[in-house]
Amino acid sequence: MTASPQDQEAPQSPICLSELEAALNGMVVGRASSPDGVITELYKKIWDLIKGDYLRMLQ
C-alpha cells in the first residue's frame, strides 16, 4: 500500500497500539508482510512479547 501525496504531506499523529493490532489482524496469513521474509504468523505468535518495542520503534 502506498500513501497518497496528500497523506505523505499531512501531519502524522503518533500511532497507537490499537492501530498496530488492527493492522496485524488485517494481514494475510501465509505470506511475508515485507521484504524481510518474516511471515505474518510469526508476528502474531510473538506479538505479546514485541508489541511494546514495536510501538516505540514506530513512534
N, C-alpha and C. Protein backbone atom coordinates (compact mmCIF):
# COMPACT_ATOMS: atom_id res chain seq x y z
N MET A 1 0.84 -1.17 0.00
CA MET A 1 0.00 0.00 0.00
C MET A 1 0.89 1.24 0.00
N THR A 2 0.59 2.17 -0.83
CA THR A 2 1.36 3.41 -0.93
C THR A 2 0.50 4.58 -0.48
N ALA A 3 1.11 5.47 0.29
CA ALA A 3 0.39 6.65 0.77
C ALA A 3 0.24 7.65 -0.36
N SER A 4 -0.91 8.30 -0.40
CA SER A 4 -1.14 9.33 -1.40
C SER A 4 -0.28 10.54 -1.09
N PRO A 5 -0.04 11.41 -2.08
CA PRO A 5 0.74 12.63 -1.80
C PRO A 5 0.15 13.46 -0.67
N GLN A 6 -1.18 13.51 -0.58
CA GLN A 6 -1.82 14.27 0.50
C GLN A 6 -1.51 13.64 1.86
N ASP A 7 -1.55 12.30 1.93
CA ASP A 7 -1.25 11.62 3.19
C ASP A 7 0.21 11.80 3.58
N GLN A 8 1.09 11.82 2.58
CA GLN A 8 2.51 11.98 2.87
C GLN A 8 2.81 13.36 3.43
N GLU A 9 2.03 14.36 3.04
CA GLU A 9 2.25 15.72 3.49
C GLU A 9 1.48 16.05 4.76
N ALA A 10 0.45 15.28 5.08
CA ALA A 10 -0.39 15.57 6.24
C ALA A 10 0.40 15.31 7.53
N PRO A 11 0.18 16.14 8.55
CA PRO A 11 0.83 15.88 9.84
C PRO A 11 0.40 14.52 10.38
N GLN A 12 1.32 13.82 10.93
CA GLN A 12 1.04 12.49 11.45
C GLN A 12 0.89 12.54 12.97
N SER A 13 -0.15 11.92 13.47
CA SER A 13 -0.28 11.79 14.91
C SER A 13 0.42 10.49 15.31
N PRO A 14 0.86 10.40 16.54
CA PRO A 14 1.54 9.17 16.97
C PRO A 14 0.64 7.95 16.79
N ILE A 15 1.23 6.88 16.37
CA ILE A 15 0.47 5.63 16.18
C ILE A 15 0.19 5.04 17.56
N CYS A 16 -0.94 4.40 17.69
CA CYS A 16 -1.28 3.79 18.98
C CYS A 16 -1.32 2.26 18.83
N LEU A 17 -1.29 1.60 19.95
CA LEU A 17 -1.24 0.14 19.97
C LEU A 17 -2.44 -0.47 19.27
N SER A 18 -3.62 0.10 19.44
CA SER A 18 -4.81 -0.48 18.80
C SER A 18 -4.71 -0.41 17.27
N GLU A 19 -4.05 0.64 16.74
CA GLU A 19 -3.85 0.73 15.29
C GLU A 19 -2.90 -0.36 14.81
N LEU A 20 -1.84 -0.59 15.57
CA LEU A 20 -0.91 -1.67 15.21
C LEU A 20 -1.59 -3.03 15.24
N GLU A 21 -2.38 -3.27 16.28
CA GLU A 21 -3.06 -4.55 16.40
C GLU A 21 -4.09 -4.74 15.28
N ALA A 22 -4.77 -3.68 14.90
CA ALA A 22 -5.73 -3.77 13.79
C ALA A 22 -5.00 -4.09 12.49
N ALA A 23 -3.84 -3.48 12.28
CA ALA A 23 -3.05 -3.76 11.08
C ALA A 23 -2.56 -5.21 11.09
N LEU A 24 -2.09 -5.67 12.23
CA LEU A 24 -1.62 -7.06 12.34
C LEU A 24 -2.75 -8.04 12.07
N ASN A 25 -3.91 -7.78 12.63
CA ASN A 25 -5.05 -8.68 12.43
C ASN A 25 -5.56 -8.65 10.99
N GLY A 26 -5.28 -7.59 10.25
CA GLY A 26 -5.71 -7.49 8.87
C GLY A 26 -4.72 -8.06 7.87
N MET A 27 -3.57 -8.52 8.36
CA MET A 27 -2.54 -9.06 7.46
C MET A 27 -2.93 -10.45 6.96
N VAL A 28 -2.52 -10.74 5.73
CA VAL A 28 -2.81 -12.03 5.10
C VAL A 28 -1.92 -13.10 5.74
N VAL A 29 -2.52 -14.19 6.14
CA VAL A 29 -1.80 -15.32 6.74
C VAL A 29 -1.14 -16.13 5.63
N GLY A 30 0.06 -16.63 5.90
CA GLY A 30 0.75 -17.48 4.94
C GLY A 30 1.65 -16.73 3.98
N ARG A 31 1.84 -15.44 4.22
CA ARG A 31 2.70 -14.63 3.35
C ARG A 31 3.60 -13.75 4.19
N ALA A 32 4.73 -13.41 3.62
CA ALA A 32 5.62 -12.45 4.28
C ALA A 32 5.02 -11.07 4.10
N SER A 33 5.02 -10.29 5.15
CA SER A 33 4.42 -8.96 5.09
C SER A 33 5.36 -7.91 4.54
N SER A 34 6.63 -8.24 4.44
CA SER A 34 7.60 -7.27 3.96
C SER A 34 8.80 -8.00 3.36
N PRO A 35 9.71 -7.28 2.76
CA PRO A 35 10.86 -7.92 2.12
C PRO A 35 11.77 -8.68 3.08
N ASP A 36 11.61 -8.48 4.39
CA ASP A 36 12.46 -9.21 5.33
C ASP A 36 12.12 -10.69 5.38
N GLY A 37 11.00 -11.10 4.80
CA GLY A 37 10.62 -12.50 4.72
C GLY A 37 9.97 -13.06 5.97
N VAL A 38 9.74 -12.23 6.97
CA VAL A 38 9.09 -12.70 8.20
C VAL A 38 7.60 -12.87 7.92
N ILE A 39 7.09 -14.06 8.20
CA ILE A 39 5.69 -14.33 7.89
C ILE A 39 4.77 -13.79 8.98
N THR A 40 3.56 -13.50 8.59
CA THR A 40 2.56 -12.92 9.49
C THR A 40 2.35 -13.76 10.74
N GLU A 41 2.34 -15.07 10.58
CA GLU A 41 2.09 -15.95 11.74
C GLU A 41 3.11 -15.73 12.84
N LEU A 42 4.36 -15.46 12.48
CA LEU A 42 5.38 -15.23 13.50
C LEU A 42 5.06 -13.97 14.30
N TYR A 43 4.73 -12.89 13.59
CA TYR A 43 4.36 -11.66 14.30
C TYR A 43 3.19 -11.91 15.24
N LYS A 44 2.19 -12.65 14.77
CA LYS A 44 1.02 -12.92 15.61
C LYS A 44 1.37 -13.78 16.81
N LYS A 45 2.27 -14.73 16.62
CA LYS A 45 2.63 -15.65 17.71
C LYS A 45 3.42 -14.93 18.81
N ILE A 46 4.29 -14.01 18.43
CA ILE A 46 5.15 -13.36 19.42
C ILE A 46 4.69 -11.93 19.74
N TRP A 47 3.51 -11.55 19.29
CA TRP A 47 3.04 -10.18 19.45
C TRP A 47 3.11 -9.69 20.89
N ASP A 48 2.68 -10.49 21.85
CA ASP A 48 2.69 -10.04 23.26
C ASP A 48 4.10 -9.72 23.73
N LEU A 49 5.10 -10.38 23.17
CA LEU A 49 6.49 -10.12 23.55
C LEU A 49 7.06 -8.86 22.91
N ILE A 50 6.65 -8.55 21.68
CA ILE A 50 7.28 -7.47 20.93
C ILE A 50 6.46 -6.20 20.79
N LYS A 51 5.20 -6.22 21.18
CA LYS A 51 4.32 -5.08 20.88
C LYS A 51 4.82 -3.76 21.46
N GLY A 52 5.34 -3.76 22.66
CA GLY A 52 5.84 -2.52 23.25
C GLY A 52 7.04 -1.97 22.50
N ASP A 53 7.99 -2.84 22.19
CA ASP A 53 9.17 -2.42 21.43
C ASP A 53 8.80 -1.97 20.03
N TYR A 54 7.88 -2.69 19.41
CA TYR A 54 7.47 -2.35 18.04
C TYR A 54 6.78 -0.98 18.02
N LEU A 55 5.95 -0.73 19.01
CA LEU A 55 5.28 0.57 19.09
C LEU A 55 6.30 1.69 19.28
N ARG A 56 7.25 1.50 20.18
CA ARG A 56 8.29 2.52 20.40
C ARG A 56 9.12 2.75 19.15
N MET A 57 9.38 1.71 18.39
CA MET A 57 10.17 1.82 17.17
C MET A 57 9.46 2.71 16.14
N LEU A 58 8.14 2.63 16.08
CA LEU A 58 7.38 3.35 15.08
C LEU A 58 7.03 4.78 15.50
N GLN A 59 7.24 5.11 16.73
CA GLN A 59 6.87 6.45 17.21
C GLN A 59 8.00 7.44 17.03
